[in-house]
Amino acid sequence: MATQKERRAAPRKPGSSRADARADTAAAPRSPVQAREMPASPAQRRDAPAEQPAPEDIRRRIEMAAYLRAKQRGFTPGYELEDWLKAEAEVKDRLQP
C-alpha cells in the first residue's frame, strides 16, 4: 500500500478534482440565450420585475408577521384573528409592485 506521501506525489487524472470541474464550466462560453437570461450587473437585476413568491412562501410570511405581532403585545389571548388580518394586509402590501 502506498504511503500518504507517495499518494500526494502521484499525478492526478485530468478533471479528477472539483476545482478542475468548476474551472471547466466557468471557462465554457455562454450561448446568447444564457447571456440574456442572466443580467450582467446588480443594477440590471434590480430593474427586472420581481417574481411572485409561491403561495406557501406567502403564507409563511403571514404566519411570521402574525406571530411577531402577537409577541409584541405579549401573546394576550383574543386578538389572534386581528393579528392575522393585519399581518396578511401588511405582507400583501409589501408584495405589490
PDB file of N, CA and C in Angstrom:
ATOM      1  N   MET A   1       0.845  -1.178   0.000  1.00  0.00           N
ATOM      2  CA  MET A   1       0.000   0.000   0.000  1.00  0.00           C
ATOM      3  C   MET A   1       0.893   1.244   0.000  1.00  0.00           C
ATOM      4  N   ALA A   2       0.468   2.253  -0.748  1.00  0.00           N
ATOM      5  CA  ALA A   2       1.248   3.484  -0.863  1.00  0.00           C
ATOM      6  C   ALA A   2       1.106   4.314   0.407  1.00  0.00           C
ATOM      7  N   THR A   3       2.189   4.961   0.770  1.00  0.00           N
ATOM      8  CA  THR A   3       2.143   5.832   1.938  1.00  0.00           C
ATOM      9  C   THR A   3       1.448   7.128   1.565  1.00  0.00           C
ATOM     10  N   GLN A   4       1.130   7.891   2.567  1.00  0.00           N
ATOM     11  CA  GLN A   4       0.441   9.157   2.330  1.00  0.00           C
ATOM     12  C   GLN A   4       1.288  10.085   1.479  1.00  0.00           C
ATOM     13  N   LYS A   5       2.574  10.099   1.716  1.00  0.00           N
ATOM     14  CA  LYS A   5       3.483  10.948   0.956  1.00  0.00           C
ATOM     15  C   LYS A   5       3.504  10.534  -0.511  1.00  0.00           C
ATOM     16  N   GLU A   6       3.510   9.242  -0.763  1.00  0.00           N
ATOM     17  CA  GLU A   6       3.529   8.742  -2.137  1.00  0.00           C
ATOM     18  C   GLU A   6       2.226   9.076  -2.852  1.00  0.00           C
ATOM     19  N   ARG A   7       1.124   9.001  -2.130  1.00  0.00           N
ATOM     20  CA  ARG A   7      -0.166   9.324  -2.753  1.00  0.00           C
ATOM     21  C   ARG A   7      -0.234  10.795  -3.143  1.00  0.00           C
ATOM     22  N   ARG A   8       0.315  11.681  -2.325  1.00  0.00           N
ATOM     23  CA  ARG A   8       0.306  13.105  -2.653  1.00  0.00           C
ATOM     24  C   ARG A   8       1.180  13.393  -3.858  1.00  0.00           C
ATOM     25  N   ALA A   9       2.269  12.676  -3.999  1.00  0.00           N
ATOM     26  CA  ALA A   9       3.202  12.925  -5.086  1.00  0.00           C
ATOM     27  C   ALA A   9       2.716  12.339  -6.406  1.00  0.00           C
ATOM     28  N   ALA A  10       1.793  11.411  -6.369  1.00  0.00           N
ATOM     29  CA  ALA A  10       1.318  10.762  -7.595  1.00  0.00           C
ATOM     30  C   ALA A  10       0.541  11.762  -8.439  1.00  0.00           C
ATOM     31  N   PRO A  11       0.748  11.727  -9.760  1.00  0.00           N
ATOM     32  CA  PRO A  11       0.000  12.651 -10.626  1.00  0.00           C
ATOM     33  C   PRO A  11      -1.482  12.284 -10.631  1.00  0.00           C
ATOM     34  N   ARG A  12      -2.302  13.311 -10.719  1.00  0.00           N
ATOM     35  CA  ARG A  12      -3.749  13.096 -10.734  1.00  0.00           C
ATOM     36  C   ARG A  12      -4.247  12.982 -12.163  1.00  0.00           C
ATOM     37  N   LYS A  13      -5.374  12.320 -12.277  1.00  0.00           N
ATOM     38  CA  LYS A  13      -6.001  12.209 -13.587  1.00  0.00           C
ATOM     39  C   LYS A  13      -6.603  13.565 -13.949  1.00  0.00           C
ATOM     40  N   PRO A  14      -6.575  13.937 -15.227  1.00  0.00           N
ATOM     41  CA  PRO A  14      -7.175  15.227 -15.603  1.00  0.00           C
ATOM     42  C   PRO A  14      -8.669  15.236 -15.291  1.00  0.00           C
ATOM     43  N   GLY A  15      -9.114  16.346 -14.735  1.00  0.00           N
ATOM     44  CA  GLY A  15     -10.538  16.507 -14.433  1.00  0.00           C
ATOM     45  C   GLY A  15     -10.979  15.731 -13.211  1.00  0.00           C
ATOM     46  N   SER A  16     -10.046  15.271 -12.396  1.00  0.00           N
ATOM     47  CA  SER A  16     -10.431  14.461 -11.245  1.00  0.00           C
ATOM     48  C   SER A  16     -10.776  15.300 -10.026  1.00  0.00           C
ATOM     49  N   SER A  17     -10.363  16.544  -9.997  1.00  0.00           N
ATOM     50  CA  SER A  17     -10.666  17.360  -8.822  1.00  0.00           C
ATOM     51  C   SER A  17     -11.879  18.236  -9.083  1.00  0.00           C
ATOM     52  N   ARG A  18     -12.511  18.669  -8.023  1.00  0.00           N
ATOM     53  CA  ARG A  18     -13.679  19.547  -8.147  1.00  0.00           C
ATOM     54  C   ARG A  18     -13.277  20.911  -8.696  1.00  0.00           C
ATOM     55  N   ALA A  19     -12.103  21.373  -8.336  1.00  0.00           N
ATOM     56  CA  ALA A  19     -11.639  22.669  -8.832  1.00  0.00           C
ATOM     57  C   ALA A  19     -11.495  22.634 -10.344  1.00  0.00           C
ATOM     58  N   ASP A  20     -10.977  21.522 -10.877  1.00  0.00           N
ATOM     59  CA  ASP A  20     -10.858  21.393 -12.329  1.00  0.00           C
ATOM     60  C   ASP A  20     -12.229  21.414 -12.980  1.00  0.00           C
ATOM     61  N   ALA A  21     -13.181  20.741 -12.380  1.00  0.00           N
ATOM     62  CA  ALA A  21     -14.525  20.699 -12.950  1.00  0.00           C
ATOM     63  C   ALA A  21     -15.155  22.087 -12.951  1.00  0.00           C
ATOM     64  N   ARG A  22     -14.974  22.846 -11.853  1.00  0.00           N
ATOM     65  CA  ARG A  22     -15.528  24.200 -11.812  1.00  0.00           C
ATOM     66  C   ARG A  22     -14.841  25.104 -12.821  1.00  0.00           C
ATOM     67  N   ALA A  23     -13.538  24.955 -12.982  1.00  0.00           N
ATOM     68  CA  ALA A  23     -12.807  25.790 -13.930  1.00  0.00           C
ATOM     69  C   ALA A  23     -13.272  25.500 -15.349  1.00  0.00           C
ATOM     70  N   ASP A  24     -13.564  24.230 -15.645  1.00  0.00           N
ATOM     71  CA  ASP A  24     -14.031  23.870 -16.981  1.00  0.00           C
ATOM     72  C   ASP A  24     -15.389  24.491 -17.276  1.00  0.00           C
ATOM     73  N   THR A  25     -16.289  24.477 -16.309  1.00  0.00           N
ATOM     74  CA  THR A  25     -17.612  25.040 -16.557  1.00  0.00           C
ATOM     75  C   THR A  25     -17.574  26.560 -16.581  1.00  0.00           C
ATOM     76  N   ALA A  26     -16.694  27.167 -15.796  1.00  0.00           N
ATOM     77  CA  ALA A  26     -16.603  28.622 -15.778  1.00  0.00           C
ATOM     78  C   ALA A  26     -16.003  29.154 -17.066  1.00  0.00           C
ATOM     79  N   ALA A  27     -15.107  28.388 -17.668  1.00  0.00           N
ATOM     80  CA  ALA A  27     -14.453  28.843 -18.876  1.00  0.00           C
ATOM     81  C   ALA A  27     -15.293  28.589 -20.123  1.00  0.00           C
ATOM     82  N   ALA A  28     -16.341  27.796 -20.000  1.00  0.00           N
ATOM     83  CA  ALA A  28     -17.156  27.473 -21.170  1.00  0.00           C
ATOM     84  C   ALA A  28     -17.876  28.727 -21.646  1.00  0.00           C
ATOM     85  N   PRO A  29     -17.880  28.984 -22.952  1.00  0.00           N
ATOM     86  CA  PRO A  29     -18.577  30.171 -23.466  1.00  0.00           C
ATOM     87  C   PRO A  29     -20.080  30.017 -23.286  1.00  0.00           C
ATOM     88  N   ARG A  30     -20.730  31.110 -22.940  1.00  0.00           N
ATOM     89  CA  ARG A  30     -22.176  31.080 -22.768  1.00  0.00           C
ATOM     90  C   ARG A  30     -22.847  31.381 -24.086  1.00  0.00           C
ATOM     91  N   SER A  31     -23.969  30.729 -24.300  1.00  0.00           N
ATOM     92  CA  SER A  31     -24.728  30.983 -25.511  1.00  0.00           C
ATOM     93  C   SER A  31     -25.440  32.324 -25.372  1.00  0.00           C
ATOM     94  N   PRO A  32     -25.889  32.931 -26.478  1.00  0.00           N
ATOM     95  CA  PRO A  32     -26.622  34.200 -26.393  1.00  0.00           C
ATOM     96  C   PRO A  32     -27.880  34.080 -25.531  1.00  0.00           C
ATOM     97  N   VAL A  33     -28.519  32.920 -25.534  1.00  0.00           N
ATOM     98  CA  VAL A  33     -29.715  32.724 -24.725  1.00  0.00           C
ATOM     99  C   VAL A  33     -29.340  32.783 -23.254  1.00  0.00           C
ATOM    100  N   GLN A  34     -28.262  32.104 -22.862  1.00  0.00           N
ATOM    101  CA  GLN A  34     -27.835  32.134 -21.469  1.00  0.00           C
ATOM    102  C   GLN A  34     -27.423  33.540 -21.056  1.00  0.00           C
ATOM    103  N   ALA A  35     -26.786  34.263 -21.932  1.00  0.00           N
ATOM    104  CA  ALA A  35     -26.346  35.616 -21.623  1.00  0.00           C
ATOM    105  C   ALA A  35     -27.546  36.527 -21.362  1.00  0.00           C
ATOM    106  N   ARG A  36     -28.630  36.335 -22.106  1.00  0.00           N
ATOM    107  CA  ARG A  36     -29.824  37.152 -21.911  1.00  0.00           C
ATOM    108  C   ARG A  36     -30.546  36.793 -20.625  1.00  0.00           C
ATOM    109  N   GLU A  37     -30.520  35.512 -20.219  1.00  0.00           N
ATOM    110  CA  GLU A  37     -31.226  35.074 -19.033  1.00  0.00           C
ATOM    111  C   GLU A  37     -30.584  35.592 -17.750  1.00  0.00           C
ATOM    112  N   MET A  38     -29.286  35.825 -17.771  1.00  0.00           N
ATOM    113  CA  MET A  38     -28.577  36.231 -16.566  1.00  0.00           C
ATOM    114  C   MET A  38     -28.037  37.646 -16.750  1.00  0.00           C
ATOM    115  N   PRO A  39     -28.630  38.655 -16.083  1.00  0.00           N
ATOM    116  CA  PRO A  39     -28.139  40.022 -16.241  1.00  0.00           C
ATOM    117  C   PRO A  39     -26.695  40.150 -15.775  1.00  0.00           C
ATOM    118  N   ALA A  40     -25.988  41.073 -16.380  1.00  0.00           N
ATOM    119  CA  ALA A  40     -24.565  41.226 -16.093  1.00  0.00           C
ATOM    120  C   ALA A  40     -24.315  41.974 -14.795  1.00  0.00           C
ATOM    121  N   SER A  41     -25.118  42.941 -14.463  1.00  0.00           N
ATOM    122  CA  SER A  41     -24.822  43.766 -13.294  1.00  0.00           C
ATOM    123  C   SER A  41     -25.958  43.707 -12.273  1.00  0.00           C
ATOM    124  N   PRO A  42     -25.677  44.018 -11.021  1.00  0.00           N
ATOM    125  CA  PRO A  42     -26.727  44.044  -9.994  1.00  0.00           C
ATOM    126  C   PRO A  42     -27.802  45.079 -10.293  1.00  0.00           C
ATOM    127  N   ALA A  43     -27.429  46.178 -10.937  1.00  0.00           N
ATOM    128  CA  ALA A  43     -28.416  47.207 -11.269  1.00  0.00           C
ATOM    129  C   ALA A  43     -29.448  46.661 -12.238  1.00  0.00           C
ATOM    130  N   GLN A  44     -29.014  45.857 -13.183  1.00  0.00           N
ATOM    131  CA  GLN A  44     -29.955  45.272 -14.127  1.00  0.00           C
ATOM    132  C   GLN A  44     -30.876  44.287 -13.419  1.00  0.00           C
ATOM    133  N   ARG A  45     -30.359  43.562 -12.424  1.00  0.00           N
ATOM    134  CA  ARG A  45     -31.192  42.616 -11.692  1.00  0.00           C
ATOM    135  C   ARG A  45     -32.248  43.341 -10.864  1.00  0.00           C
ATOM    136  N   ARG A  46     -31.935  44.512 -10.331  1.00  0.00           N
ATOM    137  CA  ARG A  46     -32.915  45.277  -9.559  1.00  0.00           C
ATOM    138  C   ARG A  46     -34.033  45.790 -10.445  1.00  0.00           C
ATOM    139  N   ASP A  47     -33.711  46.137 -11.687  1.00  0.00           N
ATOM    140  CA  ASP A  47     -34.709  46.667 -12.602  1.00  0.00           C
ATOM    141  C   ASP A  47     -35.632  45.589 -13.144  1.00  0.00           C
ATOM    142  N   ALA A  48     -35.222  44.335 -13.057  1.00  0.00           N
ATOM    143  CA  ALA A  48     -36.042  43.238 -13.570  1.00  0.00           C
ATOM    144  C   ALA A  48     -37.277  43.097 -12.688  1.00  0.00           C
ATOM    145  N   PRO A  49     -38.415  42.716 -13.288  1.00  0.00           N
ATOM    146  CA  PRO A  49     -39.624  42.558 -12.483  1.00  0.00           C
ATOM    147  C   PRO A  49     -39.456  41.412 -11.490  1.00  0.00           C
ATOM    148  N   ALA A  50     -39.929  41.630 -10.270  1.00  0.00           N
ATOM    149  CA  ALA A  50     -39.810  40.611  -9.231  1.00  0.00           C
ATOM    150  C   ALA A  50     -40.832  39.503  -9.465  1.00  0.00           C
ATOM    151  N   GLU A  51     -40.421  38.281  -9.226  1.00  0.00           N
ATOM    152  CA  GLU A  51     -41.340  37.168  -9.383  1.00  0.00           C
ATOM    153  C   GLU A  51     -42.229  37.082  -8.158  1.00  0.00           C
ATOM    154  N   GLN A  52     -43.458  36.654  -8.369  1.00  0.00           N
ATOM    155  CA  GLN A  52     -44.400  36.478  -7.272  1.00  0.00           C
ATOM    156  C   GLN A  52     -43.988  35.232  -6.493  1.00  0.00           C
ATOM    157  N   PRO A  53     -43.849  35.317  -5.168  1.00  0.00           N
ATOM    158  CA  PRO A  53     -43.471  34.139  -4.385  1.00  0.00           C
ATOM    159  C   PRO A  53     -44.576  33.087  -4.408  1.00  0.00           C
ATOM    160  N   ALA A  54     -44.206  31.869  -4.116  1.00  0.00           N
ATOM    161  CA  ALA A  54     -45.152  30.761  -4.078  1.00  0.00           C
ATOM    162  C   ALA A  54     -46.155  30.978  -2.941  1.00  0.00           C
ATOM    163  N   PRO A  55     -47.361  30.416  -3.075  1.00  0.00           N
ATOM    164  CA  PRO A  55     -48.363  30.575  -2.017  1.00  0.00           C
ATOM    165  C   PRO A  55     -47.873  30.105  -0.640  1.00  0.00           C
ATOM    166  N   GLU A  56     -47.043  29.050  -0.621  1.00  0.00           N
ATOM    167  CA  GLU A  56     -46.514  28.561   0.652  1.00  0.00           C
ATOM    168  C   GLU A  56     -45.620  29.614   1.304  1.00  0.00           C
ATOM    169  N   ASP A  57     -44.842  30.315   0.471  1.00  0.00           N
ATOM    170  CA  ASP A  57     -43.963  31.362   0.994  1.00  0.00           C
ATOM    171  C   ASP A  57     -44.763  32.547   1.525  1.00  0.00           C
ATOM    172  N   ILE A  58     -45.826  32.886   0.826  1.00  0.00           N
ATOM    173  CA  ILE A  58     -46.677  33.995   1.276  1.00  0.00           C
ATOM    174  C   ILE A  58     -47.303  33.654   2.625  1.00  0.00           C
ATOM    175  N   ARG A  59     -47.812  32.420   2.736  1.00  0.00           N
ATOM    176  CA  ARG A  59     -48.427  32.001   4.000  1.00  0.00           C
ATOM    177  C   ARG A  59     -47.399  32.002   5.133  1.00  0.00           C
ATOM    178  N   ARG A  60     -46.183  31.541   4.846  1.00  0.00           N
ATOM    179  CA  ARG A  60     -45.137  31.527   5.860  1.00  0.00           C
ATOM    180  C   ARG A  60     -44.817  32.947   6.326  1.00  0.00           C
ATOM    181  N   ARG A  61     -44.802  33.892   5.388  1.00  0.00           N
ATOM    182  CA  ARG A  61     -44.541  35.294   5.748  1.00  0.00           C
ATOM    183  C   ARG A  61     -45.663  35.864   6.615  1.00  0.00           C
ATOM    184  N   ILE A  62     -46.905  35.510   6.267  1.00  0.00           N
ATOM    185  CA  ILE A  62     -48.051  35.983   7.053  1.00  0.00           C
ATOM    186  C   ILE A  62     -47.990  35.393   8.454  1.00  0.00           C
ATOM    187  N   GLU A  63     -47.683  34.085   8.534  1.00  0.00           N
ATOM    188  CA  GLU A  63     -47.574  33.447   9.851  1.00  0.00           C
ATOM    189  C   GLU A  63     -46.524  34.131  10.716  1.00  0.00           C
ATOM    190  N   MET A  64     -45.379  34.425  10.118  1.00  0.00           N
ATOM    191  CA  MET A  64     -44.302  35.057  10.875  1.00  0.00           C
ATOM    192  C   MET A  64     -44.710  36.461  11.326  1.00  0.00           C
ATOM    193  N   ALA A  65     -45.347  37.227  10.435  1.00  0.00           N
ATOM    194  CA  ALA A  65     -45.761  38.585  10.792  1.00  0.00           C
ATOM    195  C   ALA A  65     -46.824  38.549  11.889  1.00  0.00           C
ATOM    196  N   ALA A  66     -47.762  37.597  11.819  1.00  0.00           N
ATOM    197  CA  ALA A  66     -48.794  37.477  12.845  1.00  0.00           C
ATOM    198  C   ALA A  66     -48.168  37.069  14.182  1.00  0.00           C
ATOM    199  N   TYR A  67     -47.217  36.160  14.131  1.00  0.00           N
ATOM    200  CA  TYR A  67     -46.526  35.743  15.353  1.00  0.00           C
ATOM    201  C   TYR A  67     -45.808  36.931  15.999  1.00  0.00           C
ATOM    202  N   LEU A  68     -45.120  37.709  15.181  1.00  0.00           N
ATOM    203  CA  LEU A  68     -44.384  38.852  15.725  1.00  0.00           C
ATOM    204  C   LEU A  68     -45.316  39.894  16.314  1.00  0.00           C
ATOM    205  N   ARG A  69     -46.501  40.076  15.702  1.00  0.00           N
ATOM    206  CA  ARG A  69     -47.493  40.998  16.262  1.00  0.00           C
ATOM    207  C   ARG A  69     -47.974  40.489  17.628  1.00  0.00           C
ATOM    208  N   ALA A  70     -48.255  39.176  17.703  1.00  0.00           N
ATOM    209  CA  ALA A  70     -48.726  38.596  18.964  1.00  0.00           C
ATOM    210  C   ALA A  70     -47.644  38.695  20.036  1.00  0.00           C
ATOM    211  N   LYS A  71     -46.422  38.445  19.642  1.00  0.00           N
ATOM    212  CA  LYS A  71     -45.302  38.531  20.588  1.00  0.00           C
ATOM    213  C   LYS A  71     -45.152  39.949  21.123  1.00  0.00           C
ATOM    214  N   GLN A  72     -45.321  40.924  20.219  1.00  0.00           N
ATOM    215  CA  GLN A  72     -45.164  42.327  20.596  1.00  0.00           C
ATOM    216  C   GLN A  72     -46.196  42.740  21.640  1.00  0.00           C
ATOM    217  N   ARG A  73     -47.397  42.192  21.578  1.00  0.00           N
ATOM    218  CA  ARG A  73     -48.435  42.549  22.550  1.00  0.00           C
ATOM    219  C   ARG A  73     -48.478  41.589  23.725  1.00  0.00           C
ATOM    220  N   GLY A  74     -47.471  40.701  23.827  1.00  0.00           N
ATOM    221  CA  GLY A  74     -47.371  39.810  24.978  1.00  0.00           C
ATOM    222  C   GLY A  74     -48.241  38.565  24.890  1.00  0.00           C
ATOM    223  N   PHE A  75     -48.647  38.155  23.707  1.00  0.00           N
ATOM    224  CA  PHE A  75     -49.469  36.958  23.475  1.00  0.00           C
ATOM    225  C   PHE A  75     -50.784  36.994  24.250  1.00  0.00           C
ATOM    226  N   THR A  76     -51.345  38.185  24.422  1.00  0.00           N
ATOM    227  CA  THR A  76     -52.642  38.312  25.083  1.00  0.00           C
ATOM    228  C   THR A  76     -53.691  37.593  24.248  1.00  0.00           C
ATOM    229  N   PRO A  77     -54.453  36.665  24.844  1.00  0.00           N
ATOM    230  CA  PRO A  77     -55.442  35.915  24.064  1.00  0.00           C
ATOM    231  C   PRO A  77     -56.600  36.800  23.600  1.00  0.00           C
ATOM    232  N   GLY A  78     -57.208  36.378  22.481  1.00  0.00           N
ATOM    233  CA  GLY A  78     -58.386  37.074  21.970  1.00  0.00           C
ATOM    234  C   GLY A  78     -58.109  37.968  20.771  1.00  0.00           C
ATOM    235  N   TYR A  79     -56.852  38.137  20.401  1.00  0.00           N
ATOM    236  CA  TYR A  79     -56.513  39.030  19.292  1.00  0.00           C
ATOM    237  C   TYR A  79     -55.890  38.289  18.103  1.00  0.00           C
ATOM    238  N   GLU A  80     -56.043  36.965  18.066  1.00  0.00           N
ATOM    239  CA  GLU A  80     -55.389  36.163  17.035  1.00  0.00           C
ATOM    240  C   GLU A  80     -55.858  36.533  15.624  1.00  0.00           C
ATOM    241  N   LEU A  81     -57.180  36.662  15.451  1.00  0.00           N
ATOM    242  CA  LEU A  81     -57.721  36.994  14.132  1.00  0.00           C
ATOM    243  C   LEU A  81     -57.258  38.383  13.685  1.00  0.00           C
ATOM    244  N   GLU A  82     -57.277  39.324  14.603  1.00  0.00           N
ATOM    245  CA  GLU A  82     -56.824  40.682  14.294  1.00  0.00           C
ATOM    246  C   GLU A  82     -55.347  40.672  13.866  1.00  0.00           C
ATOM    247  N   ASP A  83     -54.532  39.919  14.607  1.00  0.00           N
ATOM    248  CA  ASP A  83     -53.108  39.808  14.254  1.00  0.00           C
ATOM    249  C   ASP A  83     -52.950  39.233  12.854  1.00  0.00           C
ATOM    250  N   TRP A  84     -53.704  38.173  12.556  1.00  0.00           N
ATOM    251  CA  TRP A  84     -53.590  37.505  11.257  1.00  0.00           C
ATOM    252  C   TRP A  84     -54.006  38.453  10.127  1.00  0.00           C
ATOM    253  N   LEU A  85     -55.130  39.140  10.296  1.00  0.00           N
ATOM    254  CA  LEU A  85     -55.624  40.018   9.231  1.00  0.00           C
ATOM    255  C   LEU A  85     -54.677  41.189   8.974  1.00  0.00           C
ATOM    256  N   LYS A  86     -54.139  41.770  10.041  1.00  0.00           N
ATOM    257  CA  LYS A  86     -53.182  42.863   9.867  1.00  0.00           C
ATOM    258  C   LYS A  86     -51.895  42.365   9.218  1.00  0.00           C
ATOM    259  N   ALA A  87     -51.445  41.190   9.621  1.00  0.00           N
ATOM    260  CA  ALA A  87     -50.232  40.613   9.028  1.00  0.00           C
ATOM    261  C   ALA A  87     -50.459  40.304   7.549  1.00  0.00           C
ATOM    262  N   GLU A  88     -51.609  39.776   7.223  1.00  0.00           N
ATOM    263  CA  GLU A  88     -51.935  39.452   5.837  1.00  0.00           C
ATOM    264  C   GLU A  88     -51.938  40.708   4.966  1.00  0.00           C
ATOM    265  N   ALA A  89     -52.547  41.774   5.464  1.00  0.00           N
ATOM    266  CA  ALA A  89     -52.581  43.035   4.714  1.00  0.00           C
ATOM    267  C   ALA A  89     -51.171  43.603   4.548  1.00  0.00           C
ATOM    268  N   GLU A  90     -50.375  43.513   5.605  1.00  0.00           N
ATOM    269  CA  GLU A  90     -49.001  44.018   5.566  1.00  0.00           C
ATOM    270  C   GLU A  90     -48.155  43.269   4.531  1.00  0.00           C
ATOM    271  N   VAL A  91     -48.266  41.948   4.520  1.00  0.00           N
ATOM    272  CA  VAL A  91     -47.491  41.134   3.572  1.00  0.00           C
ATOM    273  C   VAL A  91     -47.940  41.403   2.144  1.00  0.00           C
ATOM    274  N   LYS A  92     -49.225  41.477   1.919  1.00  0.00           N
ATOM    275  CA  LYS A  92     -49.747  41.725   0.559  1.00  0.00           C
ATOM    276  C   LYS A  92     -49.356  43.116   0.075  1.00  0.00           C
ATOM    277  N   ASP A  93     -49.317  44.101   0.973  1.00  0.00           N
ATOM    278  CA  ASP A  93     -48.867  45.439   0.587  1.00  0.00           C
ATOM    279  C   ASP A  93     -47.413  45.424   0.145  1.00  0.00           C
ATOM    280  N   ARG A  94     -46.585  44.656   0.868  1.00  0.00           N
ATOM    281  CA  ARG A  94     -45.164  44.571   0.503  1.00  0.00           C
ATOM    282  C   ARG A  94     -44.950  43.889  -0.835  1.00  0.00           C
ATOM    283  N   LEU A  95     -45.855  42.976  -1.200  1.00  0.00           N
ATOM    284  CA  LEU A  95     -45.694  42.233  -2.451  1.00  0.00           C
ATOM    285  C   LEU A  95     -46.195  43.011  -3.667  1.00  0.00           C
ATOM    286  N   GLN A  96     -46.970  44.051  -3.451  1.00  0.00           N
ATOM    287  CA  GLN A  96     -47.484  44.859  -4.563  1.00  0.00           C
ATOM    288  C   GLN A  96     -46.347  45.642  -5.199  1.00  0.00           C
ATOM    289  N   PRO A  97     -46.312  45.680  -6.548  1.00  0.00           N
ATOM    290  CA  PRO A  97     -45.222  46.450  -7.217  1.00  0.00           C
ATOM    291  C   PRO A  97     -45.371  47.934  -7.089  1.00  0.00           C
TER     292      PRO A  97
END
